[in-house]
N, C-alpha and C. Protein backbone atom coordinates (compact mmCIF):
# COMPACT_ATOMS: atom_id res chain seq x y z
N MET A 1 0.84 -1.19 -0.01
CA MET A 1 -0.02 -0.02 -0.02
C MET A 1 0.89 1.24 -0.04
N PHE A 2 1.86 1.28 0.89
CA PHE A 2 2.77 2.48 0.96
C PHE A 2 3.42 2.75 -0.35
N TYR A 3 3.87 1.58 -1.02
CA TYR A 3 4.62 1.75 -2.33
C TYR A 3 3.72 2.35 -3.38
N PHE A 4 2.44 1.92 -3.34
CA PHE A 4 1.49 2.45 -4.29
C PHE A 4 1.34 3.98 -4.13
N VAL A 5 1.08 4.36 -2.83
CA VAL A 5 0.87 5.80 -2.51
C VAL A 5 2.12 6.59 -2.80
N ASP A 6 3.34 6.07 -2.51
CA ASP A 6 4.52 6.81 -2.80
C ASP A 6 4.74 6.91 -4.31
N THR A 7 4.50 5.86 -5.05
CA THR A 7 4.57 5.86 -6.53
C THR A 7 3.58 6.85 -7.13
N GLN A 8 2.41 6.77 -6.61
CA GLN A 8 1.37 7.77 -7.12
C GLN A 8 1.77 9.20 -6.83
N ALA A 9 2.27 9.36 -5.63
CA ALA A 9 2.61 10.80 -5.25
C ALA A 9 3.76 11.27 -6.17
N LYS A 10 4.73 10.41 -6.41
CA LYS A 10 5.86 10.86 -7.31
C LYS A 10 5.35 11.10 -8.73
N ARG A 11 4.38 10.22 -9.22
CA ARG A 11 3.87 10.47 -10.54
C ARG A 11 3.14 11.80 -10.58
N LEU A 12 2.33 12.06 -9.54
CA LEU A 12 1.56 13.38 -9.56
C LEU A 12 2.54 14.50 -9.44
N LYS A 13 3.58 14.41 -8.62
CA LYS A 13 4.55 15.49 -8.52
C LYS A 13 5.24 15.75 -9.84
N THR A 14 5.56 14.72 -10.62
CA THR A 14 6.17 14.90 -12.01
C THR A 14 5.19 15.63 -12.87
N ILE A 15 3.89 15.26 -12.78
CA ILE A 15 2.90 16.04 -13.65
C ILE A 15 2.88 17.52 -13.11
N MET A 16 2.89 17.69 -11.74
CA MET A 16 2.74 19.10 -11.22
C MET A 16 3.98 19.97 -11.72
N LEU A 17 5.13 19.35 -11.58
CA LEU A 17 6.34 20.11 -12.05
C LEU A 17 6.33 20.32 -13.50
N ALA A 18 5.84 19.46 -14.29
CA ALA A 18 5.70 19.70 -15.77
C ALA A 18 4.72 20.76 -16.01
N ALA A 19 3.64 20.79 -15.19
CA ALA A 19 2.62 21.86 -15.34
C ALA A 19 3.24 23.19 -15.06
N ALA A 20 4.08 23.27 -14.01
CA ALA A 20 4.74 24.47 -13.74
C ALA A 20 5.66 24.97 -14.83
N GLU A 21 6.41 24.02 -15.43
CA GLU A 21 7.33 24.42 -16.47
C GLU A 21 6.45 24.97 -17.72
N LEU A 22 5.36 24.40 -17.99
CA LEU A 22 4.44 24.84 -19.03
C LEU A 22 4.02 26.23 -18.66
N ALA A 23 3.60 26.44 -17.51
CA ALA A 23 3.13 27.78 -17.11
C ALA A 23 4.32 28.78 -17.26
N ALA A 24 5.48 28.39 -16.91
CA ALA A 24 6.61 29.30 -17.01
C ALA A 24 6.93 29.66 -18.47
N LEU A 25 6.83 28.69 -19.36
CA LEU A 25 6.87 28.96 -20.70
C LEU A 25 5.94 29.96 -21.25
N ARG A 26 4.69 29.87 -20.80
CA ARG A 26 3.57 30.67 -21.26
C ARG A 26 3.76 32.13 -20.59
N LEU A 27 4.37 32.19 -19.44
CA LEU A 27 4.44 33.46 -18.77
C LEU A 27 5.96 33.93 -18.75
N LYS A 28 6.55 34.05 -19.85
CA LYS A 28 7.98 34.41 -19.96
C LYS A 28 8.32 35.58 -19.27
N ASP A 29 7.45 36.59 -19.15
CA ASP A 29 7.69 37.83 -18.46
C ASP A 29 7.30 37.86 -17.00
N PHE A 30 6.94 36.63 -16.41
CA PHE A 30 6.61 36.48 -15.10
C PHE A 30 7.80 36.88 -14.22
N PRO A 31 7.63 37.69 -13.10
CA PRO A 31 8.80 38.08 -12.37
C PRO A 31 9.53 36.88 -11.76
N SER A 32 10.82 36.94 -11.74
CA SER A 32 11.59 35.81 -11.15
C SER A 32 11.59 35.99 -9.69
N GLY A 33 12.60 35.25 -8.99
CA GLY A 33 12.59 35.09 -7.56
C GLY A 33 12.29 36.31 -6.64
N ASN A 34 12.31 37.51 -7.13
CA ASN A 34 12.14 38.66 -6.19
C ASN A 34 10.91 39.36 -6.43
N HIS A 35 10.09 39.50 -5.47
CA HIS A 35 8.78 40.17 -5.68
C HIS A 35 8.59 41.05 -4.40
N LYS A 36 8.56 42.43 -4.60
CA LYS A 36 8.41 43.30 -3.47
C LYS A 36 9.40 43.09 -2.51
N GLY A 37 10.71 42.82 -2.84
CA GLY A 37 11.72 42.65 -1.93
C GLY A 37 11.75 41.37 -1.18
N ILE A 38 10.91 40.53 -1.41
CA ILE A 38 10.79 39.21 -0.73
C ILE A 38 11.40 38.09 -1.65
N GLU A 39 12.38 37.31 -1.16
CA GLU A 39 12.85 36.19 -2.03
C GLU A 39 11.84 34.99 -1.90
N PHE A 40 11.54 34.49 -3.08
CA PHE A 40 10.75 33.33 -3.16
C PHE A 40 11.62 32.19 -3.61
N ASP A 41 11.56 31.04 -2.94
CA ASP A 41 12.33 29.90 -3.44
C ASP A 41 11.54 29.31 -4.58
N GLN A 42 12.16 28.23 -5.15
CA GLN A 42 11.59 27.62 -6.32
C GLN A 42 10.17 27.01 -6.09
N ARG A 43 9.99 26.55 -4.88
CA ARG A 43 8.57 26.03 -4.58
C ARG A 43 7.53 27.13 -4.75
N ASP A 44 7.91 28.26 -4.14
CA ASP A 44 6.99 29.43 -4.21
C ASP A 44 6.72 29.86 -5.71
N ARG A 45 7.78 29.83 -6.48
CA ARG A 45 7.67 30.23 -7.89
C ARG A 45 6.78 29.25 -8.62
N VAL A 46 6.99 27.98 -8.40
CA VAL A 46 6.10 27.01 -9.04
C VAL A 46 4.66 27.19 -8.63
N PHE A 47 4.47 27.34 -7.35
CA PHE A 47 3.07 27.62 -6.90
C PHE A 47 2.41 28.78 -7.55
N ARG A 48 3.21 29.90 -7.57
CA ARG A 48 2.61 31.16 -8.15
C ARG A 48 2.35 30.94 -9.67
N LEU A 49 3.14 30.15 -10.38
CA LEU A 49 2.90 29.92 -11.72
C LEU A 49 1.67 29.13 -11.95
N LEU A 50 1.32 28.28 -11.05
CA LEU A 50 0.17 27.39 -11.22
C LEU A 50 -1.04 28.13 -10.81
N ASP A 51 -0.95 29.12 -9.91
CA ASP A 51 -2.00 29.92 -9.44
C ASP A 51 -2.28 31.02 -10.47
N LYS A 52 -2.93 30.61 -11.51
CA LYS A 52 -3.09 31.51 -12.73
C LYS A 52 -3.73 32.84 -12.47
N ASN A 53 -4.79 32.78 -11.58
CA ASN A 53 -5.46 34.07 -11.28
C ASN A 53 -4.88 34.88 -10.21
N GLY A 54 -3.87 34.36 -9.51
CA GLY A 54 -3.25 35.07 -8.56
C GLY A 54 -3.94 35.20 -7.15
N ASP A 55 -4.83 34.46 -6.87
CA ASP A 55 -5.65 34.59 -5.66
C ASP A 55 -5.03 33.87 -4.54
N GLY A 56 -3.82 33.33 -4.63
CA GLY A 56 -3.18 32.73 -3.56
C GLY A 56 -3.53 31.27 -3.22
N LYS A 57 -4.28 30.64 -4.23
CA LYS A 57 -4.56 29.26 -4.10
C LYS A 57 -4.70 28.66 -5.52
N ILE A 58 -4.49 27.34 -5.57
CA ILE A 58 -4.64 26.69 -6.84
C ILE A 58 -6.00 26.02 -6.84
N SER A 59 -6.93 26.39 -7.69
CA SER A 59 -8.20 25.83 -7.76
C SER A 59 -8.22 24.52 -8.63
N ILE A 60 -9.32 23.69 -8.46
CA ILE A 60 -9.33 22.46 -9.23
C ILE A 60 -9.44 22.94 -10.76
N GLU A 61 -10.01 23.97 -11.06
CA GLU A 61 -10.08 24.40 -12.46
C GLU A 61 -8.69 24.83 -13.10
N GLU A 62 -7.95 25.44 -12.21
CA GLU A 62 -6.58 25.85 -12.66
C GLU A 62 -5.71 24.58 -12.90
N LEU A 63 -5.85 23.78 -11.90
CA LEU A 63 -5.00 22.52 -11.93
C LEU A 63 -5.51 21.63 -13.16
N THR A 64 -6.77 21.46 -13.27
CA THR A 64 -7.31 20.64 -14.42
C THR A 64 -6.83 21.26 -15.80
N GLU A 65 -7.01 22.53 -15.94
CA GLU A 65 -6.57 23.14 -17.18
C GLU A 65 -5.08 22.88 -17.58
N VAL A 66 -4.20 22.96 -16.53
CA VAL A 66 -2.83 22.75 -16.84
C VAL A 66 -2.51 21.35 -17.12
N ILE A 67 -3.13 20.38 -16.35
CA ILE A 67 -2.98 19.01 -16.39
C ILE A 67 -3.39 18.54 -17.88
N GLU A 68 -4.59 19.01 -18.25
CA GLU A 68 -5.12 18.60 -19.63
C GLU A 68 -4.25 19.22 -20.69
N GLU A 69 -3.58 20.45 -20.51
CA GLU A 69 -2.73 21.01 -21.58
C GLU A 69 -1.49 20.08 -21.70
N LEU A 70 -1.18 19.40 -20.67
CA LEU A 70 0.00 18.53 -20.71
C LEU A 70 -0.29 17.17 -21.31
N GLY A 71 -1.59 16.93 -21.62
CA GLY A 71 -2.05 15.70 -22.28
C GLY A 71 -2.40 14.65 -21.23
N ALA A 72 -2.41 14.96 -19.97
CA ALA A 72 -2.84 13.99 -18.96
C ALA A 72 -4.35 14.08 -18.72
N PRO A 73 -4.94 13.02 -18.24
CA PRO A 73 -6.45 13.09 -18.09
C PRO A 73 -6.78 13.94 -16.93
N GLY A 74 -7.91 14.72 -17.07
CA GLY A 74 -8.42 15.63 -15.96
C GLY A 74 -8.51 15.01 -14.68
N GLU A 75 -8.81 13.69 -14.65
CA GLU A 75 -8.93 12.85 -13.44
C GLU A 75 -7.70 12.98 -12.57
N ASP A 76 -6.46 13.18 -13.21
CA ASP A 76 -5.24 13.34 -12.44
C ASP A 76 -5.32 14.52 -11.58
N ALA A 77 -5.89 15.62 -12.09
CA ALA A 77 -6.11 16.84 -11.22
C ALA A 77 -6.95 16.61 -10.04
N HIS A 78 -8.02 15.78 -10.20
CA HIS A 78 -8.85 15.52 -9.08
C HIS A 78 -8.15 14.59 -8.09
N ASP A 79 -7.25 13.67 -8.64
CA ASP A 79 -6.53 12.81 -7.75
C ASP A 79 -5.51 13.68 -6.95
N MET A 80 -4.82 14.63 -7.57
CA MET A 80 -3.90 15.49 -6.98
C MET A 80 -4.61 16.30 -5.78
N MET A 81 -5.76 16.83 -6.11
CA MET A 81 -6.54 17.59 -5.19
C MET A 81 -6.85 16.77 -3.97
N LEU A 82 -7.30 15.59 -4.27
CA LEU A 82 -7.67 14.66 -3.12
C LEU A 82 -6.36 14.44 -2.22
N LEU A 83 -5.30 14.20 -2.89
CA LEU A 83 -4.04 13.92 -2.12
C LEU A 83 -3.48 15.13 -1.45
N LEU A 84 -3.61 16.27 -2.03
CA LEU A 84 -2.90 17.48 -1.44
C LEU A 84 -3.73 18.41 -0.60
N ASP A 85 -5.06 18.42 -0.79
CA ASP A 85 -5.96 19.40 -0.19
C ASP A 85 -6.20 18.91 1.31
N SER A 86 -5.30 19.13 2.17
CA SER A 86 -5.38 18.60 3.60
C SER A 86 -6.54 19.16 4.38
N ASN A 87 -7.03 20.40 4.07
CA ASN A 87 -8.20 20.92 4.83
C ASN A 87 -9.46 20.81 4.05
N SER A 88 -9.44 20.14 2.91
CA SER A 88 -10.66 19.83 2.12
C SER A 88 -11.46 21.02 1.72
N ASP A 89 -10.76 22.16 1.43
CA ASP A 89 -11.49 23.33 1.02
C ASP A 89 -11.70 23.50 -0.53
N GLY A 90 -11.16 22.44 -1.23
CA GLY A 90 -11.41 22.48 -2.70
C GLY A 90 -10.29 23.20 -3.40
N SER A 91 -9.24 23.70 -2.85
CA SER A 91 -8.14 24.36 -3.50
C SER A 91 -6.90 24.07 -2.76
N LEU A 92 -5.73 24.35 -3.35
CA LEU A 92 -4.48 24.08 -2.66
C LEU A 92 -3.80 25.37 -2.24
N SER A 93 -3.52 25.48 -0.96
CA SER A 93 -2.80 26.70 -0.53
C SER A 93 -1.28 26.52 -0.77
N SER A 94 -0.60 27.57 -0.59
CA SER A 94 0.86 27.45 -0.71
C SER A 94 1.50 26.45 0.23
N ASP A 95 0.93 26.41 1.49
CA ASP A 95 1.44 25.51 2.50
C ASP A 95 1.21 24.05 2.12
N GLU A 96 0.00 23.72 1.62
CA GLU A 96 -0.34 22.36 1.19
C GLU A 96 0.51 21.97 0.03
N PHE A 97 0.77 22.81 -0.92
CA PHE A 97 1.61 22.55 -2.11
C PHE A 97 3.06 22.29 -1.62
N GLN A 98 3.59 23.04 -0.72
CA GLN A 98 4.99 22.94 -0.23
C GLN A 98 5.13 21.66 0.51
N MET A 99 4.09 21.32 1.38
CA MET A 99 4.17 20.12 2.15
C MET A 99 4.26 18.89 1.08
N PHE A 100 3.42 18.99 0.11
CA PHE A 100 3.48 17.82 -0.90
C PHE A 100 4.91 17.70 -1.48
N GLN A 101 5.54 18.84 -1.88
CA GLN A 101 6.81 18.85 -2.46
C GLN A 101 7.89 18.27 -1.55
N LYS A 102 7.82 18.67 -0.25
CA LYS A 102 8.81 18.16 0.73
C LYS A 102 8.65 16.67 0.94
N GLN A 103 7.41 16.17 0.90
CA GLN A 103 7.19 14.75 1.13
C GLN A 103 7.70 13.83 0.03
N VAL A 104 7.71 14.32 -1.20
CA VAL A 104 8.05 13.43 -2.25
C VAL A 104 9.44 13.74 -2.94
N ILE A 105 10.17 14.65 -2.39
CA ILE A 105 11.51 14.95 -2.97
C ILE A 105 12.48 13.84 -2.61
């Protein structure tokens, strides 16, 4: 069971990182690591790239759109949300996203 969850988490992380790379290509002029004098690490940058509307959370719609652009099934976005959305509010906060990345690195 643990192996399956770990494998699934790594697969979903790979999709998530590919989604961020796609977002970065589409947003070539997106500000790099420094925003209003605050240094953002790579995880913050990936999160902000996936948060297309800039509201501070990744919605299921934002996640699904990027996942489908990568050619993966939309169900992967729902699987990611179930796995990552620890407070079950239907979106991913920066903290939830960072916790996921730390767990599967």
